[in-house]
Full PDB file with SEQRES, HELIX, SHEET, SSBOND, CRYST1, ORIGX, SCALE, CONECT and MASTER records, all heavy atoms in Angstrom:
SEQRES   1 A   32  GLU SER VAL VAL SER GLU LEU ARG GLU GLN ALA GLN ALA          
SEQRES   2 A   32  ILE TYR ASP SER ARG ARG ASP ILE ASP ALA LEU LYS VAL          
SEQRES   3 A   32  PHE GLY ILE ASP PHE THR                                      
HELIX    1 AA1 SER A    2  SER A   17  1                                  16    
CRYST1    1.000    1.000    1.000  90.00  90.00  90.00 P 1           1          
ORIGX1      1.000000  0.000000  0.000000        0.00000                         
ORIGX2      0.000000  1.000000  0.000000        0.00000                         
ORIGX3      0.000000  0.000000  1.000000        0.00000                         
SCALE1      1.000000  0.000000  0.000000        0.00000                         
SCALE2      0.000000  1.000000  0.000000        0.00000                         
SCALE3      0.000000  0.000000  1.000000        0.00000                         
ATOM      1  N   GLU A   1     -92.636 -47.700  28.150  1.00  0.00           N  
ATOM      2  CA  GLU A   1     -92.569 -47.140  29.499  1.00  0.00           C  
ATOM      3  C   GLU A   1     -91.231 -46.450  29.739  1.00  0.00           C  
ATOM      4  O   GLU A   1     -91.169 -45.372  30.345  1.00  0.00           O  
ATOM      5  CB  GLU A   1     -92.788 -48.238  30.533  1.00  0.00           C  
ATOM      6  CG  GLU A   1     -92.817 -47.745  31.978  1.00  0.00           C  
ATOM      7  CD  GLU A   1     -93.097 -48.858  32.970  1.00  0.00           C  
ATOM      8  OE1 GLU A   1     -93.353 -50.001  32.534  1.00  0.00           O  
ATOM      9  OE2 GLU A   1     -93.064 -48.582  34.188  1.00  0.00           O  
ATOM     10  N   SER A   2     -90.153 -47.051  29.245  1.00  0.00           N  
ATOM     11  CA  SER A   2     -88.825 -46.471  29.428  1.00  0.00           C  
ATOM     12  C   SER A   2     -88.649 -45.198  28.603  1.00  0.00           C  
ATOM     13  O   SER A   2     -87.973 -44.254  29.029  1.00  0.00           O  
ATOM     14  CB  SER A   2     -87.742 -47.486  29.055  1.00  0.00           C  
ATOM     15  OG  SER A   2     -87.813 -48.627  29.890  1.00  0.00           O  
ATOM     16  N   VAL A   3     -89.243 -45.164  27.405  1.00  0.00           N  
ATOM     17  CA  VAL A   3     -89.206 -43.948  26.590  1.00  0.00           C  
ATOM     18  C   VAL A   3     -89.868 -42.792  27.334  1.00  0.00           C  
ATOM     19  O   VAL A   3     -89.322 -41.686  27.419  1.00  0.00           O  
ATOM     20  CB  VAL A   3     -89.897 -44.181  25.233  1.00  0.00           C  
ATOM     21  CG1 VAL A   3     -90.147 -42.854  24.518  1.00  0.00           C  
ATOM     22  CG2 VAL A   3     -89.056 -45.084  24.351  1.00  0.00           C  
ATOM     23  N   VAL A   4     -91.050 -43.058  27.887  1.00  0.00           N  
ATOM     24  CA  VAL A   4     -91.763 -42.020  28.634  1.00  0.00           C  
ATOM     25  C   VAL A   4     -90.922 -41.557  29.816  1.00  0.00           C  
ATOM     26  O   VAL A   4     -90.804 -40.352  30.095  1.00  0.00           O  
ATOM     27  CB  VAL A   4     -93.136 -42.536  29.101  1.00  0.00           C  
ATOM     28  CG1 VAL A   4     -93.817 -41.510  30.006  1.00  0.00           C  
ATOM     29  CG2 VAL A   4     -94.030 -42.837  27.899  1.00  0.00           C  
ATOM     30  N   SER A   5     -90.299 -42.503  30.519  1.00  0.00           N  
ATOM     31  CA  SER A   5     -89.489 -42.167  31.684  1.00  0.00           C  
ATOM     32  C   SER A   5     -88.296 -41.292  31.295  1.00  0.00           C  
ATOM     33  O   SER A   5     -87.999 -40.290  31.972  1.00  0.00           O  
ATOM     34  CB  SER A   5     -89.010 -43.456  32.357  1.00  0.00           C  
ATOM     35  OG  SER A   5     -88.191 -43.164  33.471  1.00  0.00           O  
ATOM     36  N   GLU A   6     -87.603 -41.642  30.223  1.00  0.00           N  
ATOM     37  CA  GLU A   6     -86.434 -40.854  29.807  1.00  0.00           C  
ATOM     38  C   GLU A   6     -86.840 -39.454  29.354  1.00  0.00           C  
ATOM     39  O   GLU A   6     -86.157 -38.465  29.641  1.00  0.00           O  
ATOM     40  CB  GLU A   6     -85.672 -41.575  28.698  1.00  0.00           C  
ATOM     41  CG  GLU A   6     -84.956 -42.821  29.182  1.00  0.00           C  
ATOM     42  CD  GLU A   6     -83.600 -43.021  28.536  1.00  0.00           C  
ATOM     43  OE1 GLU A   6     -83.139 -42.144  27.770  1.00  0.00           O  
ATOM     44  OE2 GLU A   6     -82.988 -44.066  28.811  1.00  0.00           O  
ATOM     45  N   LEU A   7     -87.947 -39.356  28.645  1.00  0.00           N  
ATOM     46  CA  LEU A   7     -88.390 -38.040  28.197  1.00  0.00           C  
ATOM     47  C   LEU A   7     -88.891 -37.191  29.364  1.00  0.00           C  
ATOM     48  O   LEU A   7     -88.787 -35.965  29.336  1.00  0.00           O  
ATOM     49  CB  LEU A   7     -89.461 -38.182  27.116  1.00  0.00           C  
ATOM     50  CG  LEU A   7     -88.937 -38.725  25.780  1.00  0.00           C  
ATOM     51  CD1 LEU A   7     -90.076 -38.888  24.790  1.00  0.00           C  
ATOM     52  CD2 LEU A   7     -87.866 -37.803  25.187  1.00  0.00           C  
ATOM     53  N   ARG A   8     -89.407 -37.840  30.395  1.00  0.00           N  
ATOM     54  CA  ARG A   8     -89.772 -37.094  31.600  1.00  0.00           C  
ATOM     55  C   ARG A   8     -88.534 -36.479  32.250  1.00  0.00           C  
ATOM     56  O   ARG A   8     -88.577 -35.359  32.754  1.00  0.00           O  
ATOM     57  CB  ARG A   8     -90.484 -38.016  32.597  1.00  0.00           C  
ATOM     58  CG  ARG A   8     -91.946 -38.255  32.258  1.00  0.00           C  
ATOM     59  CD  ARG A   8     -92.579 -39.236  33.216  1.00  0.00           C  
ATOM     60  NE  ARG A   8     -94.001 -39.407  32.912  1.00  0.00           N  
ATOM     61  CZ  ARG A   8     -94.742 -40.421  33.351  1.00  0.00           C  
ATOM     62  NH1 ARG A   8     -94.181 -41.365  34.104  1.00  0.00           N  
ATOM     63  NH2 ARG A   8     -96.009 -40.509  33.027  1.00  0.00           N  
ATOM     64  N   GLU A   9     -87.435 -37.221  32.249  1.00  0.00           N  
ATOM     65  CA  GLU A   9     -86.187 -36.679  32.783  1.00  0.00           C  
ATOM     66  C   GLU A   9     -85.727 -35.493  31.941  1.00  0.00           C  
ATOM     67  O   GLU A   9     -85.228 -34.492  32.489  1.00  0.00           O  
ATOM     68  CB  GLU A   9     -85.120 -37.769  32.820  1.00  0.00           C  
ATOM     69  CG  GLU A   9     -85.399 -38.875  33.835  1.00  0.00           C  
ATOM     70  CD  GLU A   9     -84.316 -39.939  33.832  1.00  0.00           C  
ATOM     71  OE1 GLU A   9     -83.297 -39.755  33.123  1.00  0.00           O  
ATOM     72  OE2 GLU A   9     -84.478 -40.945  34.543  1.00  0.00           O  
ATOM     73  N   GLN A  10     -85.876 -35.596  30.630  1.00  0.00           N  
ATOM     74  CA  GLN A  10     -85.514 -34.476  29.770  1.00  0.00           C  
ATOM     75  C   GLN A  10     -86.397 -33.266  30.050  1.00  0.00           C  
ATOM     76  O   GLN A  10     -85.921 -32.125  30.083  1.00  0.00           O  
ATOM     77  CB  GLN A  10     -85.616 -34.879  28.305  1.00  0.00           C  
ATOM     78  CG  GLN A  10     -84.563 -35.870  27.859  1.00  0.00           C  
ATOM     79  CD  GLN A  10     -84.605 -36.131  26.366  1.00  0.00           C  
ATOM     80  OE1 GLN A  10     -85.125 -35.319  25.590  1.00  0.00           O  
ATOM     81  NE2 GLN A  10     -84.065 -37.263  25.942  1.00  0.00           N  
ATOM     82  N   ALA A  11     -87.686 -33.519  30.251  1.00  0.00           N  
ATOM     83  CA  ALA A  11     -88.613 -32.424  30.556  1.00  0.00           C  
ATOM     84  C   ALA A  11     -88.222 -31.741  31.865  1.00  0.00           C  
ATOM     85  O   ALA A  11     -88.272 -30.502  31.972  1.00  0.00           O  
ATOM     86  CB  ALA A  11     -90.041 -32.949  30.640  1.00  0.00           C  
ATOM     87  N   GLN A  12     -87.815 -32.515  32.850  1.00  0.00           N  
ATOM     88  CA  GLN A  12     -87.397 -31.935  34.119  1.00  0.00           C  
ATOM     89  C   GLN A  12     -86.153 -31.084  33.938  1.00  0.00           C  
ATOM     90  O   GLN A  12     -86.034 -29.996  34.525  1.00  0.00           O  
ATOM     91  CB  GLN A  12     -87.133 -33.048  35.138  1.00  0.00           C  
ATOM     92  CG  GLN A  12     -86.768 -32.554  36.531  1.00  0.00           C  
ATOM     93  CD  GLN A  12     -87.891 -31.779  37.184  1.00  0.00           C  
ATOM     94  OE1 GLN A  12     -89.040 -32.191  37.147  1.00  0.00           O  
ATOM     95  NE2 GLN A  12     -87.563 -30.631  37.780  1.00  0.00           N  
ATOM     96  N   ALA A  13     -85.215 -31.565  33.116  1.00  0.00           N  
ATOM     97  CA  ALA A  13     -83.990 -30.797  32.865  1.00  0.00           C  
ATOM     98  C   ALA A  13     -84.303 -29.486  32.152  1.00  0.00           C  
ATOM     99  O   ALA A  13     -83.715 -28.435  32.463  1.00  0.00           O  
ATOM    100  CB  ALA A  13     -83.009 -31.632  32.040  1.00  0.00           C  
ATOM    101  N   ILE A  14     -85.228 -29.526  31.189  1.00  0.00           N  
ATOM    102  CA  ILE A  14     -85.638 -28.298  30.499  1.00  0.00           C  
ATOM    103  C   ILE A  14     -86.282 -27.327  31.483  1.00  0.00           C  
ATOM    104  O   ILE A  14     -85.967 -26.127  31.518  1.00  0.00           O  
ATOM    105  CB  ILE A  14     -86.609 -28.623  29.352  1.00  0.00           C  
ATOM    106  CG1 ILE A  14     -85.885 -29.412  28.251  1.00  0.00           C  
ATOM    107  CG2 ILE A  14     -87.215 -27.342  28.770  1.00  0.00           C  
ATOM    108  CD1 ILE A  14     -86.816 -29.971  27.196  1.00  0.00           C  
ATOM    109  N   TYR A  15     -87.182 -27.847  32.303  1.00  0.00           N  
ATOM    110  CA  TYR A  15     -87.861 -27.023  33.307  1.00  0.00           C  
ATOM    111  C   TYR A  15     -86.855 -26.367  34.249  1.00  0.00           C  
ATOM    112  O   TYR A  15     -86.949 -25.172  34.561  1.00  0.00           O  
ATOM    113  CB  TYR A  15     -88.843 -27.882  34.097  1.00  0.00           C  
ATOM    114  CG  TYR A  15     -89.405 -27.212  35.324  1.00  0.00           C  
ATOM    115  CD1 TYR A  15     -90.442 -26.291  35.226  1.00  0.00           C  
ATOM    116  CD2 TYR A  15     -88.885 -27.499  36.590  1.00  0.00           C  
ATOM    117  CE1 TYR A  15     -90.950 -25.672  36.361  1.00  0.00           C  
ATOM    118  CE2 TYR A  15     -89.379 -26.888  37.719  1.00  0.00           C  
ATOM    119  CZ  TYR A  15     -90.414 -25.976  37.601  1.00  0.00           C  
ATOM    120  OH  TYR A  15     -90.901 -25.351  38.725  1.00  0.00           O  
ATOM    121  N   ASP A  16     -85.875 -27.143  34.703  1.00  0.00           N  
ATOM    122  CA  ASP A  16     -84.884 -26.630  35.642  1.00  0.00           C  
ATOM    123  C   ASP A  16     -84.015 -25.527  35.037  1.00  0.00           C  
ATOM    124  O   ASP A  16     -83.487 -24.683  35.765  1.00  0.00           O  
ATOM    125  CB  ASP A  16     -83.974 -27.766  36.127  1.00  0.00           C  
ATOM    126  CG  ASP A  16     -84.694 -28.750  37.040  1.00  0.00           C  
ATOM    127  OD1 ASP A  16     -85.756 -28.389  37.581  1.00  0.00           O  
ATOM    128  OD2 ASP A  16     -84.202 -29.889  37.193  1.00  0.00           O  
ATOM    129  N   SER A  17     -83.875 -25.542  33.711  1.00  0.00           N  
ATOM    130  CA  SER A  17     -82.970 -24.592  33.055  1.00  0.00           C  
ATOM    131  C   SER A  17     -83.686 -23.356  32.505  1.00  0.00           C  
ATOM    132  O   SER A  17     -83.033 -22.451  31.993  1.00  0.00           O  
ATOM    133  CB  SER A  17     -82.234 -25.288  31.900  1.00  0.00           C  
ATOM    134  OG  SER A  17     -83.141 -25.619  30.845  1.00  0.00           O  
ATOM    135  N   ARG A  18     -85.007 -23.316  32.637  1.00  0.00           N  
ATOM    136  CA  ARG A  18     -85.769 -22.215  32.027  1.00  0.00           C  
ATOM    137  C   ARG A  18     -86.551 -21.446  33.087  1.00  0.00           C  
ATOM    138  O   ARG A  18     -87.100 -22.028  34.025  1.00  0.00           O  
ATOM    139  CB  ARG A  18     -86.761 -22.774  30.990  1.00  0.00           C  
ATOM    140  CG  ARG A  18     -86.137 -23.604  29.877  1.00  0.00           C  
ATOM    141  CD  ARG A  18     -85.570 -22.723  28.786  1.00  0.00           C  
ATOM    142  NE  ARG A  18     -86.599 -22.050  28.043  1.00  0.00           N  
ATOM    143  CZ  ARG A  18     -87.021 -22.429  26.820  1.00  0.00           C  
ATOM    144  NH1 ARG A  18     -86.489 -23.489  26.235  1.00  0.00           N  
ATOM    145  NH2 ARG A  18     -87.946 -21.742  26.184  1.00  0.00           N  
ATOM    146  N   ARG A  19     -86.621 -20.135  32.893  1.00  0.00           N  
ATOM    147  CA  ARG A  19     -87.437 -19.309  33.778  1.00  0.00           C  
ATOM    148  C   ARG A  19     -88.791 -18.978  33.177  1.00  0.00           C  
ATOM    149  O   ARG A  19     -89.626 -18.342  33.834  1.00  0.00           O  
ATOM    150  CB  ARG A  19     -86.690 -18.013  34.108  1.00  0.00           C  
ATOM    151  CG  ARG A  19     -85.415 -18.220  34.923  1.00  0.00           C  
ATOM    152  CD  ARG A  19     -84.803 -16.900  35.334  1.00  0.00           C  
ATOM    153  NE  ARG A  19     -83.616 -17.099  36.161  1.00  0.00           N  
ATOM    154  CZ  ARG A  19     -82.900 -16.099  36.687  1.00  0.00           C  
ATOM    155  NH1 ARG A  19     -83.274 -14.841  36.435  1.00  0.00           N  
ATOM    156  NH2 ARG A  19     -81.851 -16.350  37.426  1.00  0.00           N  
ATOM    157  N   ASP A  20     -88.994 -19.367  31.933  1.00  0.00           N  
ATOM    158  CA  ASP A  20     -90.255 -19.050  31.261  1.00  0.00           C  
ATOM    159  C   ASP A  20     -91.201 -20.240  31.247  1.00  0.00           C  
ATOM    160  O   ASP A  20     -92.202 -20.244  30.524  1.00  0.00           O  
ATOM    161  CB  ASP A  20     -89.996 -18.584  29.825  1.00  0.00           C  
ATOM    162  CG  ASP A  20     -89.247 -19.617  28.998  1.00  0.00           C  
ATOM    163  OD1 ASP A  20     -88.604 -20.502  29.595  1.00  0.00           O  
ATOM    164  OD2 ASP A  20     -89.305 -19.544  27.760  1.00  0.00           O  
ATOM    165  N   ILE A  21     -90.930 -21.273  32.057  1.00  0.00           N  
ATOM    166  CA  ILE A  21     -91.772 -22.465  32.118  1.00  0.00           C  
ATOM    167  C   ILE A  21     -92.165 -22.718  33.571  1.00  0.00           C  
ATOM    168  O   ILE A  21     -91.305 -22.764  34.449  1.00  0.00           O  
ATOM    169  CB  ILE A  21     -91.045 -23.707  31.556  1.00  0.00           C  
ATOM    170  CG1 ILE A  21     -90.740 -23.519  30.071  1.00  0.00           C  
ATOM    171  CG2 ILE A  21     -91.886 -24.971  31.771  1.00  0.00           C  
ATOM    172  CD1 ILE A  21     -89.930 -24.649  29.471  1.00  0.00           C  
ATOM    173  N   ASP A  22     -93.453 -22.879  33.824  1.00  0.00           N  
ATOM    174  CA  ASP A  22     -93.945 -23.175  35.171  1.00  0.00           C  
ATOM    175  C   ASP A  22     -94.250 -24.655  35.368  1.00  0.00           C  
ATOM    176  O   ASP A  22     -94.273 -25.129  36.506  1.00  0.00           O  
ATOM    177  CB  ASP A  22     -95.208 -22.354  35.468  1.00  0.00           C  
ATOM    178  CG  ASP A  22     -94.899 -20.879  35.650  1.00  0.00           C  
ATOM    179  OD1 ASP A  22     -93.748 -20.553  36.017  1.00  0.00           O  
ATOM    180  OD2 ASP A  22     -95.797 -20.046  35.417  1.00  0.00           O  
ATOM    181  N   ALA A  23     -94.508 -25.373  34.288  1.00  0.00           N  
ATOM    182  CA  ALA A  23     -94.764 -26.817  34.396  1.00  0.00           C  
ATOM    183  C   ALA A  23     -94.571 -27.447  33.028  1.00  0.00           C  
ATOM    184  O   ALA A  23     -95.016 -26.901  32.015  1.00  0.00           O  
ATOM    185  CB  ALA A  23     -96.173 -27.095  34.913  1.00  0.00           C  
ATOM    186  N   LEU A  24     -93.889 -28.604  33.006  1.00  0.00           N  
ATOM    187  CA  LEU A  24     -93.647 -29.318  31.758  1.00  0.00           C  
ATOM    188  C   LEU A  24     -93.662 -30.812  32.061  1.00  0.00           C  
ATOM    189  O   LEU A  24     -92.849 -31.291  32.857  1.00  0.00           O  
ATOM    190  CB  LEU A  24     -92.305 -28.919  31.152  1.00  0.00           C  
ATOM    191  CG  LEU A  24     -91.949 -29.536  29.802  1.00  0.00           C  
ATOM    192  CD1 LEU A  24     -92.931 -29.088  28.718  1.00  0.00           C  
ATOM    193  CD2 LEU A  24     -90.517 -29.155  29.404  1.00  0.00           C  
ATOM    194  N   LYS A  25     -94.592 -31.539  31.455  1.00  0.00           N  
ATOM    195  CA  LYS A  25     -94.764 -32.951  31.743  1.00  0.00           C  
ATOM    196  C   LYS A  25     -94.796 -33.768  30.452  1.00  0.00           C  
ATOM    197  O   LYS A  25     -95.211 -33.278  29.394  1.00  0.00           O  
ATOM    198  CB  LYS A  25     -96.065 -33.200  32.511  1.00  0.00           C  
ATOM    199  CG  LYS A  25     -96.142 -32.512  33.869  1.00  0.00           C  
ATOM    200  CD  LYS A  25     -95.158 -33.082  34.861  1.00  0.00           C  
ATOM    201  CE  LYS A  25     -95.327 -32.444  36.232  1.00  0.00           C  
ATOM    202  NZ  LYS A  25     -94.337 -32.963  37.207  1.00  0.00           N  
ATOM    203  N   VAL A  26     -94.359 -35.023  30.568  1.00  0.00           N  
ATOM    204  CA  VAL A  26     -94.515 -36.012  29.504  1.00  0.00           C  
ATOM    205  C   VAL A  26     -95.442 -37.096  30.025  1.00  0.00           C  
ATOM    206  O   VAL A  26     -95.250 -37.604  31.132  1.00  0.00           O  
ATOM    207  CB  VAL A  26     -93.158 -36.616  29.086  1.00  0.00           C  
ATOM    208  CG1 VAL A  26     -93.364 -37.700  28.025  1.00  0.00           C  
ATOM    209  CG2 VAL A  26     -92.238 -35.527  28.560  1.00  0.00           C  
ATOM    210  N   PHE A  27     -96.434 -37.435  29.220  1.00  0.00           N  
ATOM    211  CA  PHE A  27     -97.516 -38.309  29.669  1.00  0.00           C  
ATOM    212  C   PHE A  27     -97.674 -39.446  28.668  1.00  0.00           C  
ATOM    213  O   PHE A  27     -97.734 -39.209  27.460  1.00  0.00           O  
ATOM    214  CB  PHE A  27     -98.811 -37.490  29.751  1.00  0.00           C  
ATOM    215  CG  PHE A  27     -99.884 -38.125  30.575  1.00  0.00           C  
ATOM    216  CD1 PHE A  27     -99.983 -37.838  31.917  1.00  0.00           C  
ATOM    217  CD2 PHE A  27    -100.765 -39.026  30.003  1.00  0.00           C  
ATOM    218  CE1 PHE A  27    -100.973 -38.438  32.692  1.00  0.00           C  
ATOM    219  CE2 PHE A  27    -101.751 -39.617  30.766  1.00  0.00           C  
ATOM    220  CZ  PHE A  27    -101.865 -39.313  32.118  1.00  0.00           C  
ATOM    221  N   GLY A  28     -97.718 -40.683  29.153  1.00  0.00           N  
ATOM    222  CA  GLY A  28     -97.851 -41.825  28.266  1.00  0.00           C  
ATOM    223  C   GLY A  28     -99.174 -42.558  28.416  1.00  0.00           C  
ATOM    224  O   GLY A  28     -99.655 -42.752  29.539  1.00  0.00           O  
ATOM    225  N   ILE A  29     -99.767 -42.950  27.287  1.00  0.00           N  
ATOM    226  CA  ILE A  29    -100.984 -43.770  27.276  1.00  0.00           C  
ATOM    227  C   ILE A  29    -100.705 -44.990  26.416  1.00  0.00           C  
ATOM    228  O   ILE A  29    -100.406 -44.870  25.221  1.00  0.00           O  
ATOM    229  CB  ILE A  29    -102.200 -42.994  26.725  1.00  0.00           C  
ATOM    230  CG1 ILE A  29    -102.446 -41.720  27.530  1.00  0.00           C  
ATOM    231  CG2 ILE A  29    -103.443 -43.885  26.738  1.00  0.00           C  
ATOM    232  CD1 ILE A  29    -103.571 -40.855  26.989  1.00  0.00           C  
ATOM    233  N   ASP A  30    -100.793 -46.175  27.012  1.00  0.00           N  
ATOM    234  CA  ASP A  30    -100.444 -47.409  26.315  1.00  0.00           C  
ATOM    235  C   ASP A  30    -101.718 -48.154  25.906  1.00  0.00           C  
ATOM    236  O   ASP A  30    -102.445 -48.666  26.760  1.00  0.00           O  
ATOM    237  CB  ASP A  30     -99.588 -48.294  27.220  1.00  0.00           C  
ATOM    238  CG  ASP A  30     -98.908 -49.409  26.448  1.00  0.00           C  
ATOM    239  OD1 ASP A  30     -99.336 -49.693  25.311  1.00  0.00           O  
ATOM    240  OD2 ASP A  30     -97.964 -50.010  26.990  1.00  0.00           O  
ATOM    241  N   PHE A  31    -101.965 -48.212  24.613  1.00  0.00           N  
ATOM    242  CA  PHE A  31    -103.161 -48.882  24.093  1.00  0.00           C  
ATOM    243  C   PHE A  31    -102.950 -50.393  23.929  1.00  0.00           C  
ATOM    244  O   PHE A  31    -103.864 -51.084  23.484  1.00  0.00           O  
ATOM    245  CB  PHE A  31    -103.563 -48.271  22.755  1.00  0.00           C  
ATOM    246  CG  PHE A  31    -104.227 -46.930  22.872  1.00  0.00           C  
ATOM    247  CD1 PHE A  31    -103.476 -45.780  23.025  1.00  0.00           C  
ATOM    248  CD2 PHE A  31    -105.613 -46.801  22.822  1.00  0.00           C  
ATOM    249  CE1 PHE A  31    -104.071 -44.537  23.140  1.00  0.00           C  
ATOM    250  CE2 PHE A  31    -106.218 -45.575  22.934  1.00  0.00           C  
ATOM    251  CZ  PHE A  31    -105.452 -44.436  23.095  1.00  0.00           C  
ATOM    252  N   THR A  32    -101.763 -50.903  24.263  1.00  0.00           N  
ATOM    253  CA  THR A  32    -101.488 -52.321  24.055  1.00  0.00           C  
ATOM    254  C   THR A  32    -101.688 -53.173  25.303  1.00  0.00           C  
ATOM    255  O   THR A  32    -101.622 -54.389  25.229  1.00  0.00           O  
ATOM    256  CB  THR A  32    -100.054 -52.541  23.560  1.00  0.00           C  
ATOM    257  OG1 THR A  32     -99.126 -52.250  24.611  1.00  0.00           O  
ATOM    258  CG2 THR A  32     -99.755 -51.657  22.349  1.00  0.00           C  
TER     259      THR A  32                                                      
MASTER        0    0    0    1    0    0    0    6  258    1    0    3          
END                                                                             
């Protein structure tokens, strides 16, 4: 869960710094 959360923050930072991206998400599915 924490990995997904940290990568979501990275995705937001990438989105904020780029003009060629309209949406960027990280999505987690836990099979355990």
